[in-house]
Amino acid sequence: QMYALKCEDELEVESHMEKLMSLKERLSSMNDKLDDSEYVIIILGSLPDSYRGVGQSLSAAARITGKPLTAQTVIDAVLHEYHC
């Protein structure tokens, strides 16, 4: 269900992120852990095309710093972009 979730409307990004976070919580409550790197891929792949730059910037920063890109970093950046 989480893999098929796509946000087509830029105006719905915040509610889309809430759905993804809720689904992840449900998985965790069923003792079905979702790897953080896999969750990052799901989030970035589910966003509208207009958010592609956010993902590219975050990925580039992770490569430059040598630090892994976390789901929380992606969520924070996406919501920041949404509210700007």
PDB file of N, CA and C in Angstrom:
ATOM      1  N   GLN A   1       0.828  -1.193   0.000  1.00  0.00           N
ATOM      2  CA  GLN A   1       0.000   0.000   0.000  1.00  0.00           C
ATOM      3  C   GLN A   1       0.875   1.261   0.000  1.00  0.00           C
ATOM      4  N   MET A   2       1.919   1.266   0.794  1.00  0.00           N
ATOM      5  CA  MET A   2       2.792   2.425   0.880  1.00  0.00           C
ATOM      6  C   MET A   2       3.539   2.658  -0.431  1.00  0.00           C
ATOM      7  N   TYR A   3       3.940   1.592  -1.084  1.00  0.00           N
ATOM      8  CA  TYR A   3       4.694   1.714  -2.333  1.00  0.00           C
ATOM      9  C   TYR A   3       3.850   2.309  -3.454  1.00  0.00           C
ATOM     10  N   ALA A   4       2.558   2.103  -3.408  1.00  0.00           N
ATOM     11  CA  ALA A   4       1.669   2.585  -4.470  1.00  0.00           C
ATOM     12  C   ALA A   4       1.187   4.011  -4.236  1.00  0.00           C
ATOM     13  N   LEU A   5       1.418   4.544  -3.055  1.00  0.00           N
ATOM     14  CA  LEU A   5       0.916   5.872  -2.714  1.00  0.00           C
ATOM     15  C   LEU A   5       1.699   6.950  -3.459  1.00  0.00           C
ATOM     16  N   LYS A   6       0.987   7.780  -4.198  1.00  0.00           N
ATOM     17  CA  LYS A   6       1.602   8.874  -4.961  1.00  0.00           C
ATOM     18  C   LYS A   6       0.857  10.164  -4.665  1.00  0.00           C
ATOM     19  N   CYS A   7       1.599  11.239  -4.591  1.00  0.00           N
ATOM     20  CA  CYS A   7       1.001  12.557  -4.397  1.00  0.00           C
ATOM     21  C   CYS A   7       1.055  13.282  -5.736  1.00  0.00           C
ATOM     22  N   GLU A   8      -0.084  13.444  -6.349  1.00  0.00           N
ATOM     23  CA  GLU A   8      -0.157  14.080  -7.666  1.00  0.00           C
ATOM     24  C   GLU A   8      -0.346  15.589  -7.570  1.00  0.00           C
ATOM     25  N   ASP A   9      -0.869  16.058  -6.449  1.00  0.00           N
ATOM     26  CA  ASP A   9      -1.234  17.464  -6.295  1.00  0.00           C
ATOM     27  C   ASP A   9      -0.287  18.149  -5.312  1.00  0.00           C
ATOM     28  N   GLU A  10       0.383  19.193  -5.759  1.00  0.00           N
ATOM     29  CA  GLU A  10       1.317  19.923  -4.904  1.00  0.00           C
ATOM     30  C   GLU A  10       0.650  20.477  -3.652  1.00  0.00           C
ATOM     31  N   LEU A  11      -0.635  20.749  -3.728  1.00  0.00           N
ATOM     32  CA  LEU A  11      -1.348  21.321  -2.594  1.00  0.00           C
ATOM     33  C   LEU A  11      -1.662  20.285  -1.518  1.00  0.00           C
ATOM     34  N   GLU A  12      -1.417  19.012  -1.825  1.00  0.00           N
ATOM     35  CA  GLU A  12      -1.734  17.930  -0.889  1.00  0.00           C
ATOM     36  C   GLU A  12      -0.488  17.275  -0.291  1.00  0.00           C
ATOM     37  N   VAL A  13       0.663  17.899  -0.446  1.00  0.00           N
ATOM     38  CA  VAL A  13       1.911  17.279   0.004  1.00  0.00           C
ATOM     39  C   VAL A  13       1.913  17.032   1.515  1.00  0.00           C
ATOM     40  N   GLU A  14       1.436  17.985   2.281  1.00  0.00           N
ATOM     41  CA  GLU A  14       1.444  17.813   3.735  1.00  0.00           C
ATOM     42  C   GLU A  14       0.576  16.622   4.156  1.00  0.00           C
ATOM     43  N   SER A  15      -0.623  16.514   3.627  1.00  0.00           N
ATOM     44  CA  SER A  15      -1.485  15.377   3.989  1.00  0.00           C
ATOM     45  C   SER A  15      -0.904  14.066   3.451  1.00  0.00           C
ATOM     46  N   HIS A  16      -0.240  14.125   2.320  1.00  0.00           N
ATOM     47  CA  HIS A  16       0.425  12.945   1.766  1.00  0.00           C
ATOM     48  C   HIS A  16       1.526  12.461   2.716  1.00  0.00           C
ATOM     49  N   MET A  17       2.317  13.403   3.222  1.00  0.00           N
ATOM     50  CA  MET A  17       3.381  13.033   4.156  1.00  0.00           C
ATOM     51  C   MET A  17       2.786  12.429   5.429  1.00  0.00           C
ATOM     52  N   GLU A  18       1.681  12.984   5.890  1.00  0.00           N
ATOM     53  CA  GLU A  18       1.015  12.441   7.077  1.00  0.00           C
ATOM     54  C   GLU A  18       0.542  11.010   6.832  1.00  0.00           C
ATOM     55  N   LYS A  19       0.029  10.739   5.630  1.00  0.00           N
ATOM     56  CA  LYS A  19      -0.400   9.370   5.290  1.00  0.00           C
ATOM     57  C   LYS A  19       0.782   8.410   5.324  1.00  0.00           C
ATOM     58  N   LEU A  20       1.901   8.834   4.722  1.00  0.00           N
ATOM     59  CA  LEU A  20       3.089   7.976   4.709  1.00  0.00           C
ATOM     60  C   LEU A  20       3.579   7.692   6.128  1.00  0.00           C
ATOM     61  N   MET A  21       3.614   8.725   6.958  1.00  0.00           N
ATOM     62  CA  MET A  21       4.071   8.540   8.336  1.00  0.00           C
ATOM     63  C   MET A  21       3.120   7.627   9.110  1.00  0.00           C
ATOM     64  N   SER A  22       1.829   7.765   8.867  1.00  0.00           N
ATOM     65  CA  SER A  22       0.839   6.912   9.520  1.00  0.00           C
ATOM     66  C   SER A  22       1.002   5.454   9.095  1.00  0.00           C
ATOM     67  N   LEU A  23       1.215   5.234   7.814  1.00  0.00           N
ATOM     68  CA  LEU A  23       1.422   3.867   7.324  1.00  0.00           C
ATOM     69  C   LEU A  23       2.683   3.254   7.927  1.00  0.00           C
ATOM     70  N   LYS A  24       3.731   4.051   8.043  1.00  0.00           N
ATOM     71  CA  LYS A  24       4.969   3.547   8.639  1.00  0.00           C
ATOM     72  C   LYS A  24       4.739   3.179  10.104  1.00  0.00           C
ATOM     73  N   GLU A  25       3.998   4.004  10.815  1.00  0.00           N
ATOM     74  CA  GLU A  25       3.674   3.702  12.213  1.00  0.00           C
ATOM     75  C   GLU A  25       2.877   2.402  12.327  1.00  0.00           C
ATOM     76  N   ARG A  26       1.927   2.213  11.421  1.00  0.00           N
ATOM     77  CA  ARG A  26       1.131   0.977  11.435  1.00  0.00           C
ATOM     78  C   ARG A  26       2.016  -0.240  11.203  1.00  0.00           C
ATOM     79  N   LEU A  27       2.960  -0.109  10.273  1.00  0.00           N
ATOM     80  CA  LEU A  27       3.894  -1.212  10.032  1.00  0.00           C
ATOM     81  C   LEU A  27       4.699  -1.518  11.291  1.00  0.00           C
ATOM     82  N   SER A  28       5.192  -0.470  11.932  1.00  0.00           N
ATOM     83  CA  SER A  28       5.984  -0.649  13.152  1.00  0.00           C
ATOM     84  C   SER A  28       5.172  -1.314  14.250  1.00  0.00           C
ATOM     85  N   SER A  29       3.897  -0.942  14.361  1.00  0.00           N
ATOM     86  CA  SER A  29       3.050  -1.528  15.405  1.00  0.00           C
ATOM     87  C   SER A  29       2.783  -3.010  15.158  1.00  0.00           C
ATOM     88  N   MET A  30       2.962  -3.445  13.918  1.00  0.00           N
ATOM     89  CA  MET A  30       2.785  -4.861  13.584  1.00  0.00           C
ATOM     90  C   MET A  30       4.128  -5.589  13.577  1.00  0.00           C
ATOM     91  N   ASN A  31       5.145  -4.930  14.172  1.00  0.00           N
ATOM     92  CA  ASN A  31       6.502  -5.479  14.216  1.00  0.00           C
ATOM     93  C   ASN A  31       7.083  -5.735  12.834  1.00  0.00           C
ATOM     94  N   ASP A  32       6.666  -4.952  11.875  1.00  0.00           N
ATOM     95  CA  ASP A  32       7.193  -5.049  10.515  1.00  0.00           C
ATOM     96  C   ASP A  32       8.020  -3.798  10.254  1.00  0.00           C
ATOM     97  N   LYS A  33       9.316  -3.898  10.518  1.00  0.00           N
ATOM     98  CA  LYS A  33      10.204  -2.747  10.401  1.00  0.00           C
ATOM     99  C   LYS A  33      10.464  -2.397   8.940  1.00  0.00           C
ATOM    100  N   LEU A  34      10.439  -1.104   8.664  1.00  0.00           N
ATOM    101  CA  LEU A  34      10.777  -0.587   7.347  1.00  0.00           C
ATOM    102  C   LEU A  34      12.122   0.106   7.472  1.00  0.00           C
ATOM    103  N   ASP A  35      13.101  -0.359   6.719  1.00  0.00           N
ATOM    104  CA  ASP A  35      14.435   0.225   6.739  1.00  0.00           C
ATOM    105  C   ASP A  35      14.360   1.707   6.368  1.00  0.00           C
ATOM    106  N   ASP A  36      15.114   2.545   7.076  1.00  0.00           N
ATOM    107  CA  ASP A  36      15.068   3.988   6.858  1.00  0.00           C
ATOM    108  C   ASP A  36      15.435   4.358   5.421  1.00  0.00           C
ATOM    109  N   SER A  37      16.439   3.702   4.857  1.00  0.00           N
ATOM    110  CA  SER A  37      16.842   4.023   3.483  1.00  0.00           C
ATOM    111  C   SER A  37      15.743   3.652   2.486  1.00  0.00           C
ATOM    112  N   GLU A  38      15.026   2.584   2.767  1.00  0.00           N
ATOM    113  CA  GLU A  38      13.902   2.193   1.910  1.00  0.00           C
ATOM    114  C   GLU A  38      12.753   3.198   2.033  1.00  0.00           C
ATOM    115  N   TYR A  39      12.533   3.674   3.246  1.00  0.00           N
ATOM    116  CA  TYR A  39      11.496   4.682   3.494  1.00  0.00           C
ATOM    117  C   TYR A  39      11.824   5.983   2.751  1.00  0.00           C
ATOM    118  N   VAL A  40      13.098   6.362   2.726  1.00  0.00           N
ATOM    119  CA  VAL A  40      13.537   7.549   1.975  1.00  0.00           C
ATOM    120  C   VAL A  40      13.176   7.394   0.504  1.00  0.00           C
ATOM    121  N   ILE A  41      13.449   6.238  -0.059  1.00  0.00           N
ATOM    122  CA  ILE A  41      13.140   5.972  -1.471  1.00  0.00           C
ATOM    123  C   ILE A  41      11.638   6.061  -1.714  1.00  0.00           C
ATOM    124  N   ILE A  42      10.857   5.506  -0.804  1.00  0.00           N
ATOM    125  CA  ILE A  42       9.394   5.561  -0.933  1.00  0.00           C
ATOM    126  C   ILE A  42       8.915   7.008  -0.914  1.00  0.00           C
ATOM    127  N   ILE A  43       9.415   7.786   0.043  1.00  0.00           N
ATOM    128  CA  ILE A  43       8.998   9.186   0.151  1.00  0.00           C
ATOM    129  C   ILE A  43       9.341   9.947  -1.121  1.00  0.00           C
ATOM    130  N   LEU A  44      10.601   9.892  -1.523  1.00  0.00           N
ATOM    131  CA  LEU A  44      11.035  10.666  -2.689  1.00  0.00           C
ATOM    132  C   LEU A  44      10.323  10.225  -3.963  1.00  0.00           C
ATOM    133  N   GLY A  45      10.082   8.942  -4.094  1.00  0.00           N
ATOM    134  CA  GLY A  45       9.407   8.427  -5.280  1.00  0.00           C
ATOM    135  C   GLY A  45       7.927   8.738  -5.329  1.00  0.00           C
ATOM    136  N   SER A  46       7.366   9.129  -4.201  1.00  0.00           N
ATOM    137  CA  SER A  46       5.926   9.378  -4.148  1.00  0.00           C
ATOM    138  C   SER A  46       5.558  10.845  -4.333  1.00  0.00           C
ATOM    139  N   LEU A  47       6.554  11.702  -4.386  1.00  0.00           N
ATOM    140  CA  LEU A  47       6.297  13.146  -4.454  1.00  0.00           C
ATOM    141  C   LEU A  47       6.008  13.622  -5.874  1.00  0.00           C
ATOM    142  N   PRO A  48       5.321  14.760  -5.987  1.00  0.00           N
ATOM    143  CA  PRO A  48       5.081  15.339  -7.319  1.00  0.00           C
ATOM    144  C   PRO A  48       6.408  15.723  -7.983  1.00  0.00           C
ATOM    145  N   ASP A  49       6.404  15.809  -9.293  1.00  0.00           N
ATOM    146  CA  ASP A  49       7.616  16.160 -10.038  1.00  0.00           C
ATOM    147  C   ASP A  49       8.228  17.475  -9.581  1.00  0.00           C
ATOM    148  N   SER A  50       7.404  18.397  -9.134  1.00  0.00           N
ATOM    149  CA  SER A  50       7.908  19.706  -8.710  1.00  0.00           C
ATOM    150  C   SER A  50       8.811  19.614  -7.475  1.00  0.00           C
ATOM    151  N   TYR A  51       8.792  18.483  -6.779  1.00  0.00           N
ATOM    152  CA  TYR A  51       9.641  18.286  -5.606  1.00  0.00           C
ATOM    153  C   TYR A  51      10.909  17.507  -5.946  1.00  0.00           C
ATOM    154  N   ARG A  52      11.116  17.214  -7.189  1.00  0.00           N
ATOM    155  CA  ARG A  52      12.297  16.449  -7.603  1.00  0.00           C
ATOM    156  C   ARG A  52      13.588  17.152  -7.179  1.00  0.00           C
ATOM    157  N   GLY A  53      13.605  18.482  -7.269  1.00  0.00           N
ATOM    158  CA  GLY A  53      14.787  19.251  -6.883  1.00  0.00           C
ATOM    159  C   GLY A  53      15.144  19.092  -5.418  1.00  0.00           C
ATOM    160  N   VAL A  54      14.140  18.953  -4.578  1.00  0.00           N
ATOM    161  CA  VAL A  54      14.382  18.748  -3.146  1.00  0.00           C
ATOM    162  C   VAL A  54      15.153  17.442  -2.949  1.00  0.00           C
ATOM    163  N   GLY A  55      14.687  16.400  -3.584  1.00  0.00           N
ATOM    164  CA  GLY A  55      15.354  15.105  -3.475  1.00  0.00           C
ATOM    165  C   GLY A  55      16.762  15.127  -4.031  1.00  0.00           C
ATOM    166  N   GLN A  56      16.943  15.792  -5.155  1.00  0.00           N
ATOM    167  CA  GLN A  56      18.272  15.879  -5.759  1.00  0.00           C
ATOM    168  C   GLN A  56      19.232  16.650  -4.863  1.00  0.00           C
ATOM    169  N   SER A  57      18.758  17.746  -4.281  1.00  0.00           N
ATOM    170  CA  SER A  57      19.602  18.540  -3.380  1.00  0.00           C
ATOM    171  C   SER A  57      19.995  17.746  -2.141  1.00  0.00           C
ATOM    172  N   LEU A  58      19.030  17.052  -1.566  1.00  0.00           N
ATOM    173  CA  LEU A  58      19.310  16.250  -0.376  1.00  0.00           C
ATOM    174  C   LEU A  58      20.276  15.112  -0.685  1.00  0.00           C
ATOM    175  N   SER A  59      20.093  14.466  -1.814  1.00  0.00           N
ATOM    176  CA  SER A  59      20.982  13.367  -2.206  1.00  0.00           C
ATOM    177  C   SER A  59      22.401  13.871  -2.434  1.00  0.00           C
ATOM    178  N   ALA A  60      22.522  15.025  -3.077  1.00  0.00           N
ATOM    179  CA  ALA A  60      23.845  15.608  -3.321  1.00  0.00           C
ATOM    180  C   ALA A  60      24.522  15.970  -2.003  1.00  0.00           C
ATOM    181  N   ALA A  61      23.775  16.561  -1.083  1.00  0.00           N
ATOM    182  CA  ALA A  61      24.335  16.923   0.222  1.00  0.00           C
ATOM    183  C   ALA A  61      24.804  15.678   0.976  1.00  0.00           C
ATOM    184  N   ALA A  62      24.038  14.608   0.894  1.00  0.00           N
ATOM    185  CA  ALA A  62      24.420  13.359   1.565  1.00  0.00           C
ATOM    186  C   ALA A  62      25.708  12.796   0.973  1.00  0.00           C
ATOM    187  N   ARG A  63      25.822  12.854  -0.343  1.00  0.00           N
ATOM    188  CA  ARG A  63      27.054  12.367  -0.989  1.00  0.00           C
ATOM    189  C   ARG A  63      28.255  13.209  -0.581  1.00  0.00           C
ATOM    190  N   ILE A  64      28.089  14.525  -0.566  1.00  0.00           N
ATOM    191  CA  ILE A  64      29.199  15.426  -0.242  1.00  0.00           C
ATOM    192  C   ILE A  64      29.652  15.243   1.203  1.00  0.00           C
ATOM    193  N   THR A  65      28.705  15.143   2.113  1.00  0.00           N
ATOM    194  CA  THR A  65      29.053  15.012   3.534  1.00  0.00           C
ATOM    195  C   THR A  65      29.426  13.590   3.925  1.00  0.00           C
ATOM    196  N   GLY A  66      29.045  12.633   3.090  1.00  0.00           N
ATOM    197  CA  GLY A  66      29.316  11.243   3.410  1.00  0.00           C
ATOM    198  C   GLY A  66      28.384  10.675   4.462  1.00  0.00           C
ATOM    199  N   LYS A  67      27.323  11.422   4.765  1.00  0.00           N
ATOM    200  CA  LYS A  67      26.350  10.964   5.756  1.00  0.00           C
ATOM    201  C   LYS A  67      25.114  10.434   5.043  1.00  0.00           C
ATOM    202  N   PRO A  68      24.514   9.386   5.586  1.00  0.00           N
ATOM    203  CA  PRO A  68      23.312   8.842   4.943  1.00  0.00           C
ATOM    204  C   PRO A  68      22.141   9.814   5.039  1.00  0.00           C
ATOM    205  N   LEU A  69      21.309   9.764   4.050  1.00  0.00           N
ATOM    206  CA  LEU A  69      20.105  10.584   4.005  1.00  0.00           C
ATOM    207  C   LEU A  69      19.036   9.888   4.835  1.00  0.00           C
ATOM    208  N   THR A  70      18.546  10.557   5.858  1.00  0.00           N
ATOM    209  CA  THR A  70      17.545   9.947   6.731  1.00  0.00           C
ATOM    210  C   THR A  70      16.138  10.345   6.305  1.00  0.00           C
ATOM    211  N   ALA A  71      15.192   9.522   6.660  1.00  0.00           N
ATOM    212  CA  ALA A  71      13.792   9.810   6.347  1.00  0.00           C
ATOM    213  C   ALA A  71      13.345  11.096   7.026  1.00  0.00           C
ATOM    214  N   GLN A  72      13.791  11.315   8.261  1.00  0.00           N
ATOM    215  CA  GLN A  72      13.380  12.529   8.970  1.00  0.00           C
ATOM    216  C   GLN A  72      13.907  13.779   8.274  1.00  0.00           C
ATOM    217  N   THR A  73      15.124  13.719   7.747  1.00  0.00           N
ATOM    218  CA  THR A  73      15.682  14.849   7.001  1.00  0.00           C
ATOM    219  C   THR A  73      14.847  15.124   5.763  1.00  0.00           C
ATOM    220  N   VAL A  74      14.461  14.075   5.060  1.00  0.00           N
ATOM    221  CA  VAL A  74      13.639  14.223   3.856  1.00  0.00           C
ATOM    222  C   VAL A  74      12.276  14.809   4.222  1.00  0.00           C
ATOM    223  N   ILE A  75      11.650  14.277   5.241  1.00  0.00           N
ATOM    224  CA  ILE A  75      10.338  14.771   5.667  1.00  0.00           C
ATOM    225  C   ILE A  75      10.417  16.247   6.038  1.00  0.00           C
ATOM    226  N   ASP A  76      11.433  16.600   6.828  1.00  0.00           N
ATOM    227  CA  ASP A  76      11.594  18.001   7.234  1.00  0.00           C
ATOM    228  C   ASP A  76      11.784  18.911   6.028  1.00  0.00           C
ATOM    229  N   ALA A  77      12.618  18.498   5.075  1.00  0.00           N
ATOM    230  CA  ALA A  77      12.881  19.317   3.886  1.00  0.00           C
ATOM    231  C   ALA A  77      11.639  19.454   3.010  1.00  0.00           C
ATOM    232  N   VAL A  78      10.911  18.371   2.847  1.00  0.00           N
ATOM    233  CA  VAL A  78       9.693  18.403   2.026  1.00  0.00           C
ATOM    234  C   VAL A  78       8.650  19.324   2.657  1.00  0.00           C
ATOM    235  N   LEU A  79       8.461  19.200   3.958  1.00  0.00           N
ATOM    236  CA  LEU A  79       7.478  20.050   4.628  1.00  0.00           C
ATOM    237  C   LEU A  79       7.919  21.514   4.646  1.00  0.00           C
ATOM    238  N   HIS A  80       9.224  21.745   4.764  1.00  0.00           N
ATOM    239  CA  HIS A  80       9.734  23.116   4.687  1.00  0.00           C
ATOM    240  C   HIS A  80       9.445  23.709   3.313  1.00  0.00           C
ATOM    241  N   GLU A  81       9.715  22.944   2.282  1.00  0.00           N
ATOM    242  CA  GLU A  81       9.443  23.396   0.908  1.00  0.00           C
ATOM    243  C   GLU A  81       7.948  23.660   0.723  1.00  0.00           C
ATOM    244  N   TYR A  82       7.131  22.810   1.268  1.00  0.00           N
ATOM    245  CA  TYR A  82       5.679  22.957   1.150  1.00  0.00           C
ATOM    246  C   TYR A  82       5.201  24.259   1.789  1.00  0.00           C
ATOM    247  N   HIS A  83       5.765  24.583   2.946  1.00  0.00           N
ATOM    248  CA  HIS A  83       5.309  25.763   3.684  1.00  0.00           C
ATOM    249  C   HIS A  83       5.942  27.065   3.199  1.00  0.00           C
ATOM    250  N   CYS A  84       6.930  26.982   2.337  1.00  0.00           N
ATOM    251  CA  CYS A  84       7.580  28.213   1.832  1.00  0.00           C
ATOM    252  C   CYS A  84       6.853  28.817   0.657  1.00  0.00           C
TER     253      CYS A  84
END
